[in-house]
Amino acid sequence: MNPHQIVEAVLFASDAPLTADEIARADEMLDEDQVEDALQYLRAEYDDAGRSFEVVEVAEGYQVLTRPEYAPYLERFDNVPRPSRLSGPALETLAIIAYRQPIGRIEIEYIRGVGSSGVIRTLQDRRLIDVVGRAEGLGRPLLYGTTTHFLEHFGFKSLEDLPRPEELPIVLRDRTPLGADEDEQARIEEPSVIGDLFEGEPEAAEAGEDQDVADVEGETETAESG
């Protein structure tokens, strides 16, 4: 059995992206260079044959995925997996975490201007963010960062694929201490456009999702004020 057949079998059997090193574990005769060569061979073969799927580099690994132009046909089937959509507040919070990580809840809420505990919990449940450490200082608050699943969900190869700092809203571009005298209007208004940074994510959330998040945040704010 030749290397590209082994690599192809591994990719088709995996439901998540795999690195060249992980694929090479399939056979003791394989090494990373052979895997990379096999991946290039498969890409060319699929392109030349006009196959409906392709080898995609995503989330710091490789995965066989259906080509985007076939999505309208697949949407007709309920049993075809599809990524769940995020509400505007969830996208806004996710963008802040992606660019300012590691970041704590208090700083997220300072940037957004509203309580964010419920949204953070939603993003954790969807495996888009996770706790990556604790900050120094009183209580050692939790710090959040994005996950490999975040890269996979949005089709990024790595965090380097995010828009460059100079293309960002002011609120994401510069890190300033809490309470600093920065432009207050920019701090409040900029987050409303943050969700647009993640291309491909639907603008509208599924029915009820925004309301669920709003209810959770409202309960959190009430509890904190009490």
Protein backbone atom coordinates (compact mmCIF):
# COMPACT_ATOMS: atom_id res chain seq x y z
CA MET A 1 0.00 0.00 0.00
CA ASN A 2 1.52 3.34 -1.00
CA PRO A 3 1.81 6.42 1.28
CA HIS A 4 -0.90 8.50 -0.38
CA GLN A 5 -3.44 5.68 0.06
CA ILE A 6 -2.63 5.44 3.76
CA VAL A 7 -2.82 9.21 4.20
CA GLU A 8 -6.12 9.34 2.33
CA ALA A 9 -7.61 6.58 4.50
CA VAL A 10 -6.57 8.36 7.69
CA LEU A 11 -8.01 11.69 6.54
CA PHE A 12 -11.34 10.15 5.55
CA ALA A 13 -11.61 8.33 8.89
CA SER A 14 -10.88 11.41 11.00
CA ASP A 15 -13.58 13.88 11.99
CA ALA A 16 -11.02 16.52 12.99
CA PRO A 17 -7.92 18.07 11.38
CA LEU A 18 -4.69 16.09 11.77
CA THR A 19 -1.11 17.34 11.62
CA ALA A 20 1.47 15.65 9.37
CA ASP A 21 3.09 14.18 12.48
CA GLU A 22 -0.21 12.68 13.64
CA ILE A 23 -0.91 11.19 10.21
CA ALA A 24 2.59 9.66 10.11
CA ARG A 25 1.74 7.56 13.17
CA ALA A 26 -0.51 5.43 10.99
CA ASP A 27 2.49 3.43 9.74
CA GLU A 28 6.03 3.02 11.06
CA MET A 29 7.38 3.46 7.53
CA LEU A 30 5.83 6.91 7.17
CA ASP A 31 7.54 10.17 8.08
CA GLU A 32 6.36 13.79 7.93
CA ASP A 33 8.02 14.47 4.58
CA GLN A 34 6.25 11.51 2.99
CA VAL A 35 2.96 12.67 4.47
CA GLU A 36 3.45 16.19 3.08
CA ASP A 37 4.24 14.73 -0.36
CA ALA A 38 1.14 12.53 -0.18
CA LEU A 39 -1.02 15.51 0.77
CA GLN A 40 0.22 17.46 -2.26
CA TYR A 41 -0.45 14.41 -4.46
CA LEU A 42 -4.01 14.06 -3.14
CA ARG A 43 -4.72 17.77 -3.58
CA ALA A 44 -3.60 17.65 -7.20
CA GLU A 45 -5.48 14.41 -7.85
CA TYR A 46 -8.75 15.76 -6.42
CA ASP A 47 -8.40 19.01 -8.37
CA ASP A 48 -7.58 17.28 -11.66
CA ALA A 49 -10.47 14.85 -11.27
CA GLY A 50 -12.91 17.60 -10.29
CA ARG A 51 -13.89 15.82 -7.09
CA SER A 52 -16.51 17.37 -4.81
CA PHE A 53 -14.09 17.32 -1.87
CA GLU A 54 -10.58 18.64 -1.22
CA VAL A 55 -7.69 18.51 1.24
CA VAL A 56 -7.86 21.67 3.34
CA GLU A 57 -5.26 23.06 5.71
CA VAL A 58 -7.20 24.17 8.77
CA ALA A 59 -6.67 24.48 12.55
CA GLU A 60 -2.93 23.73 12.19
CA GLY A 61 -3.70 20.41 10.49
CA TYR A 62 -5.26 18.83 7.40
CA GLN A 63 -8.78 17.60 6.73
CA VAL A 64 -10.82 16.33 3.77
CA LEU A 65 -13.85 18.59 3.36
CA THR A 66 -16.62 19.03 0.81
CA ARG A 67 -15.98 22.00 -1.47
CA PRO A 68 -17.99 25.12 -0.48
CA GLU A 69 -19.89 25.26 -3.78
CA TYR A 70 -21.72 22.03 -2.83
CA ALA A 71 -23.13 23.48 0.42
CA PRO A 72 -26.58 24.34 -1.08
CA TYR A 73 -27.13 20.67 -1.94
CA LEU A 74 -26.07 19.43 1.50
CA GLU A 75 -28.30 21.92 3.33
CA ARG A 76 -31.34 19.95 2.16
CA PHE A 77 -30.39 17.07 4.50
CA ASP A 78 -30.95 17.22 8.25
CA ASN A 79 -28.42 14.47 8.93
CA VAL A 80 -25.50 16.42 7.41
CA PRO A 81 -23.53 18.11 10.25
CA ARG A 82 -23.38 21.88 10.11
CA PRO A 83 -21.77 24.40 12.46
CA SER A 84 -24.13 26.06 14.89
CA ARG A 85 -24.58 29.79 14.45
CA LEU A 86 -23.57 32.38 17.02
CA SER A 87 -25.47 35.42 18.22
CA GLY A 88 -24.11 38.94 17.76
CA PRO A 89 -23.04 39.22 21.44
CA ALA A 90 -21.28 35.85 21.21
CA LEU A 91 -19.38 36.87 18.06
CA GLU A 92 -18.46 40.19 19.65
CA THR A 93 -17.09 38.50 22.77
CA LEU A 94 -15.29 35.86 20.74
CA ALA A 95 -13.51 38.51 18.65
CA ILE A 96 -12.35 40.31 21.79
CA ILE A 97 -10.95 37.08 23.23
CA ALA A 98 -9.29 36.10 19.94
CA TYR A 99 -7.32 39.34 19.71
CA ARG A 100 -6.72 40.11 23.38
CA GLN A 101 -6.03 36.60 24.70
CA PRO A 102 -5.27 35.70 27.37
CA ILE A 103 -7.98 37.93 28.81
CA GLY A 104 -10.20 37.87 31.88
CA ARG A 105 -13.95 38.37 32.22
CA ILE A 106 -13.66 41.81 33.85
CA GLU A 107 -11.63 43.19 30.96
CA ILE A 108 -14.07 41.67 28.44
CA GLU A 109 -16.97 43.34 30.23
CA TYR A 110 -15.09 46.66 30.38
CA ILE A 111 -14.62 46.58 26.60
CA ARG A 112 -18.20 45.52 25.83
CA GLY A 113 -19.85 47.66 28.48
CA VAL A 114 -22.18 44.83 29.59
CA GLY A 115 -22.03 41.67 31.68
CA SER A 116 -20.54 38.75 29.73
CA SER A 117 -20.65 35.71 32.00
CA GLY A 118 -23.47 34.07 30.04
CA VAL A 119 -21.82 34.62 26.68
CA ILE A 120 -18.48 33.30 27.93
CA ARG A 121 -20.23 30.18 29.20
CA THR A 122 -21.91 29.72 25.79
CA LEU A 123 -18.57 29.99 23.98
CA GLN A 124 -17.04 27.46 26.38
CA ASP A 125 -19.93 25.05 25.82
CA ARG A 126 -19.31 25.29 22.07
CA ARG A 127 -15.58 24.62 22.60
CA LEU A 128 -14.59 27.90 20.94
CA ILE A 129 -12.79 29.22 24.04
CA ASP A 130 -11.31 27.71 27.17
CA VAL A 131 -9.53 28.69 30.36
CA VAL A 132 -5.82 29.08 29.57
CA GLY A 133 -4.51 30.29 32.92
CA ARG A 134 -4.98 32.68 35.81
CA ALA A 135 -4.02 36.33 36.12
CA GLU A 136 -1.82 37.68 38.87
CA GLY A 137 -3.53 39.79 41.47
CA LEU A 138 -6.46 39.61 43.85
CA GLY A 139 -8.38 36.36 43.47
CA ARG A 140 -6.25 35.27 40.51
CA PRO A 141 -9.12 35.55 37.98
CA LEU A 142 -9.45 33.07 35.11
CA LEU A 143 -7.99 33.98 31.73
CA TYR A 144 -9.61 32.86 28.47
CA GLY A 145 -8.21 32.05 25.04
CA THR A 146 -9.40 30.48 21.81
CA THR A 147 -9.18 26.76 21.05
CA THR A 148 -8.21 24.61 18.08
CA HIS A 149 -11.93 24.13 17.49
CA PHE A 150 -12.22 27.91 17.05
CA LEU A 151 -9.75 27.70 14.16
CA GLU A 152 -11.62 24.74 12.68
CA HIS A 153 -15.02 26.43 13.04
CA PHE A 154 -13.96 29.54 11.12
CA GLY A 155 -11.62 27.78 8.68
CA PHE A 156 -8.42 29.44 9.90
CA LYS A 157 -5.07 27.66 9.48
CA SER A 158 -3.80 29.43 12.60
CA LEU A 159 -4.31 32.67 14.54
CA GLU A 160 -1.98 34.28 12.00
CA ASP A 161 -4.93 34.18 9.55
CA LEU A 162 -6.85 36.74 11.62
CA PRO A 163 -6.92 40.28 10.14
CA ARG A 164 -3.76 42.28 10.86
CA PRO A 165 -3.69 44.68 13.85
CA GLU A 166 -3.79 47.78 11.65
CA GLU A 167 -7.11 46.58 10.18
CA LEU A 168 -8.77 46.26 13.58
CA PRO A 169 -11.11 48.54 15.51
CA ILE A 170 -9.25 50.61 18.13
CA VAL A 171 -10.71 48.55 20.95
CA LEU A 172 -8.92 45.40 19.72
CA ARG A 173 -5.74 47.00 18.36
CA ASP A 174 -4.34 48.52 21.55
CA ARG A 175 -4.28 47.07 25.04
CA THR A 176 -4.80 49.76 27.65
CA PRO A 177 -5.16 49.40 31.45
CA LEU A 178 -8.67 49.25 32.84
CA GLY A 179 -9.91 52.73 33.64
CA ALA A 180 -7.46 54.49 31.33
CA ASP A 181 -8.65 57.75 29.75
CA GLU A 182 -9.00 56.40 26.22
CA ASP A 183 -11.70 57.61 23.83
CA GLU A 184 -14.88 56.56 25.68
CA GLN A 185 -17.04 56.79 22.57
CA ALA A 186 -14.74 54.37 20.69
CA ARG A 187 -14.82 51.94 23.63
CA ILE A 188 -18.61 51.80 23.57
CA GLU A 189 -19.31 51.86 19.83
CA GLU A 190 -16.48 49.85 18.28
CA PRO A 191 -17.61 46.38 19.51
CA SER A 192 -20.78 46.61 17.41
CA VAL A 193 -18.73 45.90 14.27
CA ILE A 194 -16.36 43.32 15.74
CA GLY A 195 -18.45 40.33 14.66
CA ASP A 196 -17.90 41.29 11.01
CA LEU A 197 -14.24 40.26 11.32
CA PHE A 198 -15.18 36.59 11.16
CA GLU A 199 -16.21 36.08 7.55
CA GLY A 200 -18.52 33.16 6.84
CA GLU A 201 -20.40 33.32 10.14
CA PRO A 202 -24.10 34.13 9.53
CA GLU A 203 -25.09 37.64 10.60
CA ALA A 204 -28.36 36.50 12.17
CA ALA A 205 -28.51 33.97 14.97
CA GLU A 206 -30.90 31.06 15.14
CA ALA A 207 -34.28 31.92 16.57
CA GLY A 208 -34.12 32.33 20.34
CA GLU A 209 -30.33 32.33 20.72
CA ASP A 210 -29.98 36.08 21.24
CA GLN A 211 -32.81 36.04 23.74
CA ASP A 212 -31.26 33.15 25.68
CA VAL A 213 -27.95 35.00 25.95
CA ALA A 214 -29.67 38.23 26.93
CA ASP A 215 -31.66 36.44 29.66
CA VAL A 216 -28.54 34.83 31.12
CA GLU A 217 -26.64 38.13 31.08
CA GLY A 218 -29.59 39.93 32.64
CA GLU A 219 -29.73 37.40 35.49
CA THR A 220 -25.97 37.72 36.00
CA GLU A 221 -26.08 41.52 36.15
CA THR A 222 -28.97 41.40 38.62
CA ALA A 223 -27.14 38.96 40.86
CA GLU A 224 -23.95 41.03 40.79
CA SER A 225 -25.80 44.26 41.58
CA GLY A 226 -27.43 42.57 44.55
